[in-house]
């Protein structure tokens, strides 16, 4: 079973000039949004809806997702940024320790969920058709597909890593998470950061550095694969059953499926805040519970006041 264990030491982006780099993580978000638009186009075509409504929806979704995800990360996991590097909260750059283009890193899915709901509420107020829940019932389908790519982006970035996997047959050594950039340069004596990382896995001289890296659960891949099934289940209920006509059901099903996956995968994740590592349930799990309960409410309790509510 050793074949299921491997070292992960990828190139994380394309260097353009100086400190500017196109990060593959950012490209995963682009793929998620573009694919989501095409899925919604197919849904709106099937429903005989005006396709011109999709362009403003796309703008609302992108802005509310990114803003909600970023603010959620800062509030739930990294509140010190407010005082230490305030402008990096809203810009794809970091200023502390020198200027660097980072792309939009540090994004929380719980914040994104709240952001999208608020964004769609504002969108529905301006474009008065159907109901907010009707829109959300359909929007959650491409959201689930997008989550697949976002977690792949996290894997590329070696972030949101899992706990040490021990004897578990599947394990990944995240080289770039184990050693900071400045640390790997110092330990190898190689000034080029990427070459220094590569030396750890390719040069026997640094075998001791490689051996010090533990195998971990690839929790990002656990989530990404699970979200494929969430997407397929949602698509089945939308396209093959009458549940698409039950207002709020698909939205509720999405909340239950996605956040239940998140709740259980969190058991094999490292705590994102060191001070919370001893909590019985971590931050992600506590934030998932109310969303799961909300989903159950919309699936089994909620009754619309009128056919269009």
C-alpha atoms as a PDB file:
ATOM      1  CA  UNK A   1       0.000   0.000   0.000  1.00  0.00           C
ATOM      2  CA  UNK A   2       3.066   2.225   0.059  1.00  0.00           C
ATOM      3  CA  UNK A   3       2.304   3.173  -3.560  1.00  0.00           C
ATOM      4  CA  UNK A   4      -0.555   5.344  -2.296  1.00  0.00           C
ATOM      5  CA  UNK A   5       1.902   7.568  -0.454  1.00  0.00           C
ATOM      6  CA  UNK A   6       3.719  10.306  -2.328  1.00  0.00           C
ATOM      7  CA  UNK A   7       5.598  13.583  -1.971  1.00  0.00           C
ATOM      8  CA  UNK A   8       3.877  16.825  -2.993  1.00  0.00           C
ATOM      9  CA  UNK A   9       6.209  19.624  -4.016  1.00  0.00           C
ATOM     10  CA  UNK A  10       4.597  21.391  -6.993  1.00  0.00           C
ATOM     11  CA  UNK A  11       5.149  24.617  -8.854  1.00  0.00           C
ATOM     12  CA  UNK A  12       2.271  26.746  -7.523  1.00  0.00           C
ATOM     13  CA  UNK A  13       2.051  29.268 -10.331  1.00  0.00           C
ATOM     14  CA  UNK A  14       3.563  30.920 -13.376  1.00  0.00           C
ATOM     15  CA  UNK A  15       6.159  33.628 -12.746  1.00  0.00           C
ATOM     16  CA  UNK A  16       5.439  36.704 -14.849  1.00  0.00           C
ATOM     17  CA  UNK A  17       7.767  39.464 -13.639  1.00  0.00           C
ATOM     18  CA  UNK A  18       9.416  40.261 -10.332  1.00  0.00           C
ATOM     19  CA  UNK A  19       7.135  39.223  -7.486  1.00  0.00           C
ATOM     20  CA  UNK A  20       4.121  38.892  -9.789  1.00  0.00           C
ATOM     21  CA  UNK A  21       2.909  35.337 -10.293  1.00  0.00           C
ATOM     22  CA  UNK A  22      -0.261  33.829 -11.700  1.00  0.00           C
ATOM     23  CA  UNK A  23      -1.203  31.294  -9.036  1.00  0.00           C
ATOM     24  CA  UNK A  24      -2.857  28.041 -10.069  1.00  0.00           C
ATOM     25  CA  UNK A  25      -5.103  28.458  -7.017  1.00  0.00           C
ATOM     26  CA  UNK A  26      -6.494  31.639  -8.563  1.00  0.00           C
ATOM     27  CA  UNK A  27      -6.977  29.818 -11.869  1.00  0.00           C
ATOM     28  CA  UNK A  28      -9.023  27.158 -10.058  1.00  0.00           C
ATOM     29  CA  UNK A  29     -11.379  29.902  -8.908  1.00  0.00           C
ATOM     30  CA  UNK A  30     -11.626  31.196 -12.485  1.00  0.00           C
ATOM     31  CA  UNK A  31     -12.490  27.698 -13.730  1.00  0.00           C
ATOM     32  CA  UNK A  32     -15.074  27.336 -10.951  1.00  0.00           C
ATOM     33  CA  UNK A  33     -16.815  30.592 -11.886  1.00  0.00           C
ATOM     34  CA  UNK A  34     -16.762  29.970 -15.654  1.00  0.00           C
ATOM     35  CA  UNK A  35     -18.034  26.403 -15.314  1.00  0.00           C
ATOM     36  CA  UNK A  36     -20.687  27.658 -12.912  1.00  0.00           C
ATOM     37  CA  UNK A  37     -21.891  30.205 -15.461  1.00  0.00           C
ATOM     38  CA  UNK A  38     -22.321  27.513 -18.122  1.00  0.00           C
ATOM     39  CA  UNK A  39     -24.188  25.231 -15.733  1.00  0.00           C
ATOM     40  CA  UNK A  40     -26.551  28.078 -14.828  1.00  0.00           C
ATOM     41  CA  UNK A  41     -26.988  28.844 -18.518  1.00  0.00           C
ATOM     42  CA  UNK A  42     -28.089  25.258 -19.097  1.00  0.00           C
ATOM     43  CA  UNK A  43     -30.474  25.446 -16.141  1.00  0.00           C
ATOM     44  CA  UNK A  44     -31.981  28.765 -17.250  1.00  0.00           C
ATOM     45  CA  UNK A  45     -32.353  27.480 -20.814  1.00  0.00           C
ATOM     46  CA  UNK A  46     -34.177  24.405 -19.484  1.00  0.00           C
ATOM     47  CA  UNK A  47     -36.426  26.650 -17.367  1.00  0.00           C
ATOM     48  CA  UNK A  48     -37.022  28.993 -20.346  1.00  0.00           C
ATOM     49  CA  UNK A  49     -35.678  31.935 -18.348  1.00  0.00           C
ATOM     50  CA  UNK A  50     -34.226  35.108 -19.855  1.00  0.00           C
ATOM     51  CA  UNK A  51     -30.491  34.420 -20.262  1.00  0.00           C
ATOM     52  CA  UNK A  52     -29.744  38.132 -19.936  1.00  0.00           C
ATOM     53  CA  UNK A  53     -30.373  37.696 -16.212  1.00  0.00           C
ATOM     54  CA  UNK A  54     -27.226  35.564 -15.931  1.00  0.00           C
ATOM     55  CA  UNK A  55     -24.613  38.249 -16.568  1.00  0.00           C
ATOM     56  CA  UNK A  56     -25.590  40.443 -13.613  1.00  0.00           C
ATOM     57  CA  UNK A  57     -26.037  37.302 -11.500  1.00  0.00           C
ATOM     58  CA  UNK A  58     -22.472  36.279 -12.388  1.00  0.00           C
ATOM     59  CA  UNK A  59     -21.148  39.636 -11.188  1.00  0.00           C
ATOM     60  CA  UNK A  60     -23.121  39.434  -7.941  1.00  0.00           C
ATOM     61  CA  UNK A  61     -21.955  35.866  -7.318  1.00  0.00           C
ATOM     62  CA  UNK A  62     -18.273  36.590  -7.962  1.00  0.00           C
ATOM     63  CA  UNK A  63     -18.185  39.721  -5.806  1.00  0.00           C
ATOM     64  CA  UNK A  64     -20.238  38.289  -2.939  1.00  0.00           C
ATOM     65  CA  UNK A  65     -18.297  35.017  -2.956  1.00  0.00           C
ATOM     66  CA  UNK A  66     -14.853  36.605  -2.868  1.00  0.00           C
ATOM     67  CA  UNK A  67     -15.794  39.319  -0.387  1.00  0.00           C
ATOM     68  CA  UNK A  68     -17.627  36.896   1.889  1.00  0.00           C
ATOM     69  CA  UNK A  69     -14.853  34.300   1.700  1.00  0.00           C
ATOM     70  CA  UNK A  70     -12.138  36.834   2.473  1.00  0.00           C
ATOM     71  CA  UNK A  71     -13.970  38.529   5.329  1.00  0.00           C
ATOM     72  CA  UNK A  72     -14.984  35.133   6.680  1.00  0.00           C
ATOM     73  CA  UNK A  73     -11.363  33.989   6.763  1.00  0.00           C
ATOM     74  CA  UNK A  74     -10.250  37.135   8.548  1.00  0.00           C
ATOM     75  CA  UNK A  75     -13.061  37.044  11.114  1.00  0.00           C
ATOM     76  CA  UNK A  76     -12.996  33.292  11.767  1.00  0.00           C
ATOM     77  CA  UNK A  77      -9.306  32.439  11.392  1.00  0.00           C
ATOM     78  CA  UNK A  78      -6.940  35.410  11.028  1.00  0.00           C
ATOM     79  CA  UNK A  79      -8.349  38.465  12.792  1.00  0.00           C
ATOM     80  CA  UNK A  80      -4.828  39.782  13.459  1.00  0.00           C
ATOM     81  CA  UNK A  81      -4.699  40.962   9.826  1.00  0.00           C
ATOM     82  CA  UNK A  82      -7.027  43.809  10.750  1.00  0.00           C
ATOM     83  CA  UNK A  83      -4.254  45.450  12.764  1.00  0.00           C
ATOM     84  CA  UNK A  84      -1.147  43.959  11.130  1.00  0.00           C
ATOM     85  CA  UNK A  85      -1.771  44.165   7.360  1.00  0.00           C
ATOM     86  CA  UNK A  86      -5.195  45.720   6.841  1.00  0.00           C
ATOM     87  CA  UNK A  87      -5.046  46.366   3.083  1.00  0.00           C
ATOM     88  CA  UNK A  88      -4.124  42.728   2.353  1.00  0.00           C
ATOM     89  CA  UNK A  89      -7.637  41.823   3.509  1.00  0.00           C
ATOM     90  CA  UNK A  90      -9.136  43.290   0.343  1.00  0.00           C
ATOM     91  CA  UNK A  91      -6.229  43.230  -2.131  1.00  0.00           C
ATOM     92  CA  UNK A  92      -4.360  40.286  -3.738  1.00  0.00           C
ATOM     93  CA  UNK A  93      -1.090  41.562  -2.278  1.00  0.00           C
ATOM     94  CA  UNK A  94       0.731  41.323   1.004  1.00  0.00           C
ATOM     95  CA  UNK A  95       2.675  44.281   2.336  1.00  0.00           C
ATOM     96  CA  UNK A  96       4.024  42.950   5.620  1.00  0.00           C
ATOM     97  CA  UNK A  97       7.574  41.655   5.186  1.00  0.00           C
ATOM     98  CA  UNK A  98       7.844  43.162   1.708  1.00  0.00           C
ATOM     99  CA  UNK A  99       5.460  43.618  -1.202  1.00  0.00           C
ATOM    100  CA  UNK A 100       4.327  40.423  -2.920  1.00  0.00           C
ATOM    101  CA  UNK A 101       1.478  39.558  -5.282  1.00  0.00           C
ATOM    102  CA  UNK A 102      -0.175  36.572  -3.610  1.00  0.00           C
ATOM    103  CA  UNK A 103      -3.490  36.295  -5.413  1.00  0.00           C
ATOM    104  CA  UNK A 104      -6.587  35.968  -3.263  1.00  0.00           C
ATOM    105  CA  UNK A 105      -5.437  33.602  -0.535  1.00  0.00           C
ATOM    106  CA  UNK A 106      -7.012  33.020   2.838  1.00  0.00           C
ATOM    107  CA  UNK A 107     -10.617  32.406   1.825  1.00  0.00           C
ATOM    108  CA  UNK A 108     -13.194  30.733   4.071  1.00  0.00           C
ATOM    109  CA  UNK A 109     -16.000  28.675   2.548  1.00  0.00           C
ATOM    110  CA  UNK A 110     -18.381  29.485   5.404  1.00  0.00           C
ATOM    111  CA  UNK A 111     -17.868  33.175   4.704  1.00  0.00           C
ATOM    112  CA  UNK A 112     -18.425  32.535   0.999  1.00  0.00           C
ATOM    113  CA  UNK A 113     -21.725  30.775   1.750  1.00  0.00           C
ATOM    114  CA  UNK A 114     -22.987  33.695   3.810  1.00  0.00           C
ATOM    115  CA  UNK A 115     -21.716  36.147   1.205  1.00  0.00           C
ATOM    116  CA  UNK A 116     -23.514  34.416  -1.664  1.00  0.00           C
ATOM    117  CA  UNK A 117     -26.826  34.312   0.221  1.00  0.00           C
ATOM    118  CA  UNK A 118     -26.560  38.045   0.927  1.00  0.00           C
ATOM    119  CA  UNK A 119     -25.464  38.693  -2.657  1.00  0.00           C
ATOM    120  CA  UNK A 120     -28.427  36.801  -4.077  1.00  0.00           C
ATOM    121  CA  UNK A 121     -30.773  38.655  -1.743  1.00  0.00           C
ATOM    122  CA  UNK A 122     -29.482  41.947  -3.157  1.00  0.00           C
ATOM    123  CA  UNK A 123     -29.636  40.567  -6.713  1.00  0.00           C
ATOM    124  CA  UNK A 124     -33.240  39.445  -6.217  1.00  0.00           C
ATOM    125  CA  UNK A 125     -34.203  42.890  -4.911  1.00  0.00           C
ATOM    126  CA  UNK A 126     -32.967  44.479  -8.134  1.00  0.00           C
ATOM    127  CA  UNK A 127     -34.084  41.808 -10.603  1.00  0.00           C
ATOM    128  CA  UNK A 128     -37.547  40.913  -9.416  1.00  0.00           C
ATOM    129  CA  UNK A 129     -38.283  37.492 -10.868  1.00  0.00           C
ATOM    130  CA  UNK A 130     -39.099  34.201  -9.192  1.00  0.00           C
ATOM    131  CA  UNK A 131     -38.030  34.057  -5.535  1.00  0.00           C
ATOM    132  CA  UNK A 132     -34.766  34.127  -3.626  1.00  0.00           C
ATOM    133  CA  UNK A 133     -35.125  30.439  -2.748  1.00  0.00           C
ATOM    134  CA  UNK A 134     -35.948  29.528  -6.359  1.00  0.00           C
ATOM    135  CA  UNK A 135     -32.666  31.129  -7.388  1.00  0.00           C
ATOM    136  CA  UNK A 136     -30.707  29.511  -4.549  1.00  0.00           C
ATOM    137  CA  UNK A 137     -32.217  26.091  -5.330  1.00  0.00           C
ATOM    138  CA  UNK A 138     -30.555  26.276  -8.733  1.00  0.00           C
ATOM    139  CA  UNK A 139     -27.431  28.232  -7.883  1.00  0.00           C
ATOM    140  CA  UNK A 140     -26.228  25.626  -5.377  1.00  0.00           C
ATOM    141  CA  UNK A 141     -25.680  23.148  -8.237  1.00  0.00           C
ATOM    142  CA  UNK A 142     -22.812  25.106  -9.862  1.00  0.00           C
ATOM    143  CA  UNK A 143     -21.585  26.123  -6.405  1.00  0.00           C
ATOM    144  CA  UNK A 144     -21.037  22.440  -5.621  1.00  0.00           C
ATOM    145  CA  UNK A 145     -19.092  21.947  -8.848  1.00  0.00           C
ATOM    146  CA  UNK A 146     -17.003  25.017  -8.076  1.00  0.00           C
ATOM    147  CA  UNK A 147     -16.102  23.672  -4.645  1.00  0.00           C
ATOM    148  CA  UNK A 148     -14.394  20.735  -6.367  1.00  0.00           C
ATOM    149  CA  UNK A 149     -11.901  23.047  -8.081  1.00  0.00           C
ATOM    150  CA  UNK A 150     -11.352  25.310  -5.093  1.00  0.00           C
ATOM    151  CA  UNK A 151     -10.201  22.346  -3.006  1.00  0.00           C
ATOM    152  CA  UNK A 152      -7.900  21.246  -5.840  1.00  0.00           C
ATOM    153  CA  UNK A 153      -6.440  24.746  -5.639  1.00  0.00           C
ATOM    154  CA  UNK A 154      -5.901  24.298  -1.905  1.00  0.00           C
ATOM    155  CA  UNK A 155      -4.075  21.044  -2.633  1.00  0.00           C
ATOM    156  CA  UNK A 156      -1.826  22.746  -5.189  1.00  0.00           C
ATOM    157  CA  UNK A 157      -1.020  25.395  -2.585  1.00  0.00           C
ATOM    158  CA  UNK A 158      -0.279  22.771   0.099  1.00  0.00           C
ATOM    159  CA  UNK A 159      -2.759  24.502   2.406  1.00  0.00           C
ATOM    160  CA  UNK A 160      -5.566  23.297   4.659  1.00  0.00           C
ATOM    161  CA  UNK A 161      -3.503  20.160   5.145  1.00  0.00           C
ATOM    162  CA  UNK A 162      -4.529  17.051   7.033  1.00  0.00           C
ATOM    163  CA  UNK A 163      -3.172  15.611  10.235  1.00  0.00           C
ATOM    164  CA  UNK A 164      -0.302  13.126  10.190  1.00  0.00           C
ATOM    165  CA  UNK A 165      -1.672   9.909   8.659  1.00  0.00           C
ATOM    166  CA  UNK A 166       0.658   7.445  10.394  1.00  0.00           C
ATOM    167  CA  UNK A 167       0.112   3.914   9.064  1.00  0.00           C
ATOM    168  CA  UNK A 168      -2.910   4.906   6.984  1.00  0.00           C
ATOM    169  CA  UNK A 169      -2.273   3.638   3.423  1.00  0.00           C
ATOM    170  CA  UNK A 170      -2.888   7.035   1.825  1.00  0.00           C
ATOM    171  CA  UNK A 171      -0.541   9.841   2.790  1.00  0.00           C
ATOM    172  CA  UNK A 172       1.106  12.896   1.278  1.00  0.00           C
ATOM    173  CA  UNK A 173       4.260  14.704   2.353  1.00  0.00           C
ATOM    174  CA  UNK A 174       3.596  18.426   1.871  1.00  0.00           C
ATOM    175  CA  UNK A 175       7.139  19.756   1.496  1.00  0.00           C
ATOM    176  CA  UNK A 176       6.167  23.392   1.042  1.00  0.00           C
ATOM    177  CA  UNK A 177       3.957  23.416   4.109  1.00  0.00           C
ATOM    178  CA  UNK A 178       6.632  21.914   6.334  1.00  0.00           C
ATOM    179  CA  UNK A 179       9.306  24.503   5.492  1.00  0.00           C
ATOM    180  CA  UNK A 180       8.834  28.256   5.120  1.00  0.00           C
ATOM    181  CA  UNK A 181      10.470  29.854   2.084  1.00  0.00           C
ATOM    182  CA  UNK A 182      13.151  31.601   4.134  1.00  0.00           C
ATOM    183  CA  UNK A 183      13.753  28.405   6.103  1.00  0.00           C
ATOM    184  CA  UNK A 184      14.240  26.162   3.074  1.00  0.00           C
ATOM    185  CA  UNK A 185      16.664  28.664   1.530  1.00  0.00           C
ATOM    186  CA  UNK A 186      18.674  28.697   4.753  1.00  0.00           C
ATOM    187  CA  UNK A 187      18.666  24.923   5.206  1.00  0.00           C
ATOM    188  CA  UNK A 188      19.684  24.106   1.627  1.00  0.00           C
ATOM    189  CA  UNK A 189      21.869  27.122   0.908  1.00  0.00           C
ATOM    190  CA  UNK A 190      20.032  27.526  -2.415  1.00  0.00           C
ATOM    191  CA  UNK A 191      18.787  31.077  -2.978  1.00  0.00           C
ATOM    192  CA  UNK A 192      16.113  30.240  -5.552  1.00  0.00           C
ATOM    193  CA  UNK A 193      13.101  29.174  -3.483  1.00  0.00           C
ATOM    194  CA  UNK A 194      11.616  26.715  -5.992  1.00  0.00           C
ATOM    195  CA  UNK A 195      15.001  25.106  -6.642  1.00  0.00           C
ATOM    196  CA  UNK A 196      15.527  24.837  -2.890  1.00  0.00           C
ATOM    197  CA  UNK A 197      12.208  23.011  -2.496  1.00  0.00           C
ATOM    198  CA  UNK A 198      13.005  20.761  -5.452  1.00  0.00           C
ATOM    199  CA  UNK A 199      16.354  19.855  -3.918  1.00  0.00           C
ATOM    200  CA  UNK A 200      14.587  18.368  -0.901  1.00  0.00           C
ATOM    201  CA  UNK A 201      12.857  15.726  -3.028  1.00  0.00           C
ATOM    202  CA  UNK A 202      15.458  15.323  -5.787  1.00  0.00           C
ATOM    203  CA  UNK A 203      18.868  15.649  -4.112  1.00  0.00           C
ATOM    204  CA  UNK A 204      19.936  12.780  -1.790  1.00  0.00           C
ATOM    205  CA  UNK A 205      22.087  15.318   0.051  1.00  0.00           C
ATOM    206  CA  UNK A 206      18.910  16.648   1.680  1.00  0.00           C
ATOM    207  CA  UNK A 207      17.311  13.294   2.484  1.00  0.00           C
ATOM    208  CA  UNK A 208      17.260  14.259   6.163  1.00  0.00           C
ATOM    209  CA  UNK A 209      15.002  17.219   5.372  1.00  0.00           C
ATOM    210  CA  UNK A 210      12.656  14.988   3.398  1.00  0.00           C
ATOM    211  CA  UNK A 211      12.572  12.347   6.129  1.00  0.00           C
ATOM    212  CA  UNK A 212      11.528  15.003   8.652  1.00  0.00           C
ATOM    213  CA  UNK A 213       8.314  15.698   6.707  1.00  0.00           C
ATOM    214  CA  UNK A 214       5.420  13.517   7.950  1.00  0.00           C
ATOM    215  CA  UNK A 215       2.875  11.856   5.691  1.00  0.00           C
ATOM    216  CA  UNK A 216      -0.484  13.585   6.084  1.00  0.00           C
ATOM    217  CA  UNK A 217      -4.084  13.039   5.068  1.00  0.00           C
ATOM    218  CA  UNK A 218      -4.754  14.853   1.751  1.00  0.00           C
ATOM    219  CA  UNK A 219      -7.882  16.372   3.264  1.00  0.00           C
ATOM    220  CA  UNK A 220      -8.258  18.758   0.325  1.00  0.00           C
ATOM    221  CA  UNK A 221      -8.657  15.794  -2.026  1.00  0.00           C
ATOM    222  CA  UNK A 222     -11.074  14.072   0.345  1.00  0.00           C
ATOM    223  CA  UNK A 223     -13.289  17.146   0.127  1.00  0.00           C
ATOM    224  CA  UNK A 224     -12.835  17.678  -3.599  1.00  0.00           C
ATOM    225  CA  UNK A 225     -13.842  14.101  -4.440  1.00  0.00           C
ATOM    226  CA  UNK A 226     -16.774  14.250  -2.018  1.00  0.00           C
ATOM    227  CA  UNK A 227     -18.024  17.464  -3.628  1.00  0.00           C
ATOM    228  CA  UNK A 228     -18.186  15.698  -6.987  1.00  0.00           C
ATOM    229  CA  UNK A 229     -20.801  13.408  -5.447  1.00  0.00           C
ATOM    230  CA  UNK A 230     -22.588  16.385  -3.863  1.00  0.00           C
ATOM    231  CA  UNK A 231     -22.827  17.959  -7.326  1.00  0.00           C
ATOM    232  CA  UNK A 232     -24.077  14.726  -8.928  1.00  0.00           C
ATOM    233  CA  UNK A 233     -26.722  14.212  -6.229  1.00  0.00           C
ATOM    234  CA  UNK A 234     -27.979  17.776  -6.606  1.00  0.00           C
ATOM    235  CA  UNK A 235     -28.052  17.463 -10.379  1.00  0.00           C
ATOM    236  CA  UNK A 236     -29.995  14.190 -10.123  1.00  0.00           C
ATOM    237  CA  UNK A 237     -32.630  15.672  -7.813  1.00  0.00           C
ATOM    238  CA  UNK A 238     -32.937  18.741 -10.040  1.00  0.00           C
ATOM    239  CA  UNK A 239     -33.121  16.987 -13.406  1.00  0.00           C
ATOM    240  CA  UNK A 240     -34.746  13.632 -12.564  1.00  0.00           C
ATOM    241  CA  UNK A 241     -37.199  14.312  -9.726  1.00  0.00           C
ATOM    242  CA  UNK A 242     -40.001  16.702  -8.857  1.00  0.00           C
ATOM    243  CA  UNK A 243     -38.019  17.975  -5.849  1.00  0.00           C
ATOM    244  CA  UNK A 244     -36.862  20.911  -7.978  1.00  0.00           C
ATOM    245  CA  UNK A 245     -40.414  22.231  -7.609  1.00  0.00           C
ATOM    246  CA  UNK A 246     -40.311  22.020  -3.796  1.00  0.00           C
ATOM    247  CA  UNK A 247     -39.166  25.497  -2.844  1.00  0.00           C
ATOM    248  CA  UNK A 248     -36.021  25.408  -0.720  1.00  0.00           C
ATOM    249  CA  UNK A 249     -35.431  21.650  -0.970  1.00  0.00           C
ATOM    250  CA  UNK A 250     -32.354  21.722  -3.212  1.00  0.00           C
ATOM    251  CA  UNK A 251     -30.883  24.602  -1.242  1.00  0.00           C
ATOM    252  CA  UNK A 252     -31.431  22.643   1.963  1.00  0.00           C
ATOM    253  CA  UNK A 253     -30.035  19.437   0.458  1.00  0.00           C
ATOM    254  CA  UNK A 254     -26.918  21.321  -0.591  1.00  0.00           C
ATOM    255  CA  UNK A 255     -26.418  22.709   2.904  1.00  0.00           C
ATOM    256  CA  UNK A 256     -26.819  19.277   4.484  1.00  0.00           C
ATOM    257  CA  UNK A 257     -24.576  17.407   2.035  1.00  0.00           C
ATOM    258  CA  UNK A 258     -21.741  19.887   1.643  1.00  0.00           C
ATOM    259  CA  UNK A 259     -21.420  20.900   5.285  1.00  0.00           C
ATOM    260  CA  UNK A 260     -21.759  17.317   6.505  1.00  0.00           C
ATOM    261  CA  UNK A 261     -18.803  16.435   4.281  1.00  0.00           C
ATOM    262  CA  UNK A 262     -16.927  19.402   5.692  1.00  0.00           C
ATOM    263  CA  UNK A 263     -17.824  18.443   9.281  1.00  0.00           C
ATOM    264  CA  UNK A 264     -16.395  14.924   8.996  1.00  0.00           C
ATOM    265  CA  UNK A 265     -13.316  15.806   6.936  1.00  0.00           C
ATOM    266  CA  UNK A 266     -12.402  18.334   9.626  1.00  0.00           C
ATOM    267  CA  UNK A 267     -11.595  15.404  11.933  1.00  0.00           C
ATOM    268  CA  UNK A 268      -8.491  14.656   9.841  1.00  0.00           C
ATOM    269  CA  UNK A 269      -7.502  18.300   9.245  1.00  0.00           C
ATOM    270  CA  UNK A 270      -4.894  20.249  11.131  1.00  0.00           C
ATOM    271  CA  UNK A 271      -6.393  23.131  13.111  1.00  0.00           C
ATOM    272  CA  UNK A 272      -6.092  26.371  11.135  1.00  0.00           C
ATOM    273  CA  UNK A 273      -5.626  28.304  14.374  1.00  0.00           C
ATOM    274  CA  UNK A 274      -2.993  26.779  16.676  1.00  0.00           C
ATOM    275  CA  UNK A 275      -4.693  28.037  19.839  1.00  0.00           C
ATOM    276  CA  UNK A 276      -7.810  26.014  18.925  1.00  0.00           C
ATOM    277  CA  UNK A 277      -6.009  22.709  18.301  1.00  0.00           C
ATOM    278  CA  UNK A 278      -7.266  21.265  21.602  1.00  0.00           C
ATOM    279  CA  UNK A 279     -10.941  22.010  20.907  1.00  0.00           C
ATOM    280  CA  UNK A 280     -13.173  18.914  20.734  1.00  0.00           C
ATOM    281  CA  UNK A 281     -14.691  20.378  17.563  1.00  0.00           C
ATOM    282  CA  UNK A 282     -12.741  22.865  15.484  1.00  0.00           C
ATOM    283  CA  UNK A 283     -13.893  26.177  14.030  1.00  0.00           C
ATOM    284  CA  UNK A 284     -14.981  24.669  10.719  1.00  0.00           C
ATOM    285  CA  UNK A 285     -17.157  22.108  12.476  1.00  0.00           C
ATOM    286  CA  UNK A 286     -18.839  24.634  14.758  1.00  0.00           C
ATOM    287  CA  UNK A 287     -19.596  26.827  11.736  1.00  0.00           C
ATOM    288  CA  UNK A 288     -20.950  23.851   9.771  1.00  0.00           C
ATOM    289  CA  UNK A 289     -23.495  22.723  12.380  1.00  0.00           C
ATOM    290  CA  UNK A 290     -25.936  25.673  12.022  1.00  0.00           C
ATOM    291  CA  UNK A 291     -25.772  25.412   8.226  1.00  0.00           C
ATOM    292  CA  UNK A 292     -26.625  21.698   8.378  1.00  0.00           C
ATOM    293  CA  UNK A 293     -29.568  22.440  10.682  1.00  0.00           C
ATOM    294  CA  UNK A 294     -30.714  25.219   8.348  1.00  0.00           C
ATOM    295  CA  UNK A 295     -30.570  22.755   5.471  1.00  0.00           C
ATOM    296  CA  UNK A 296     -32.702  20.214   7.330  1.00  0.00           C
ATOM    297  CA  UNK A 297     -35.237  22.952   8.025  1.00  0.00           C
ATOM    298  CA  UNK A 298     -35.593  23.821   4.336  1.00  0.00           C
ATOM    299  CA  UNK A 299     -35.783  20.155   3.339  1.00  0.00           C
ATOM    300  CA  UNK A 300     -38.391  18.955   5.835  1.00  0.00           C
ATOM    301  CA  UNK A 301     -40.052  21.869   7.649  1.00  0.00           C
ATOM    302  CA  UNK A 302     -40.210  24.956   5.444  1.00  0.00           C
ATOM    303  CA  UNK A 303     -43.511  25.606   3.693  1.00  0.00           C
ATOM    304  CA  UNK A 304     -43.716  28.530   1.249  1.00  0.00           C
ATOM    305  CA  UNK A 305     -46.458  31.022   1.983  1.00  0.00           C
ATOM    306  CA  UNK A 306     -47.393  31.133  -1.677  1.00  0.00           C
ATOM    307  CA  UNK A 307     -46.327  29.338  -4.871  1.00  0.00           C
ATOM    308  CA  UNK A 308     -43.858  32.139  -5.706  1.00  0.00           C
ATOM    309  CA  UNK A 309     -42.494  32.870  -2.229  1.00  0.00           C
END
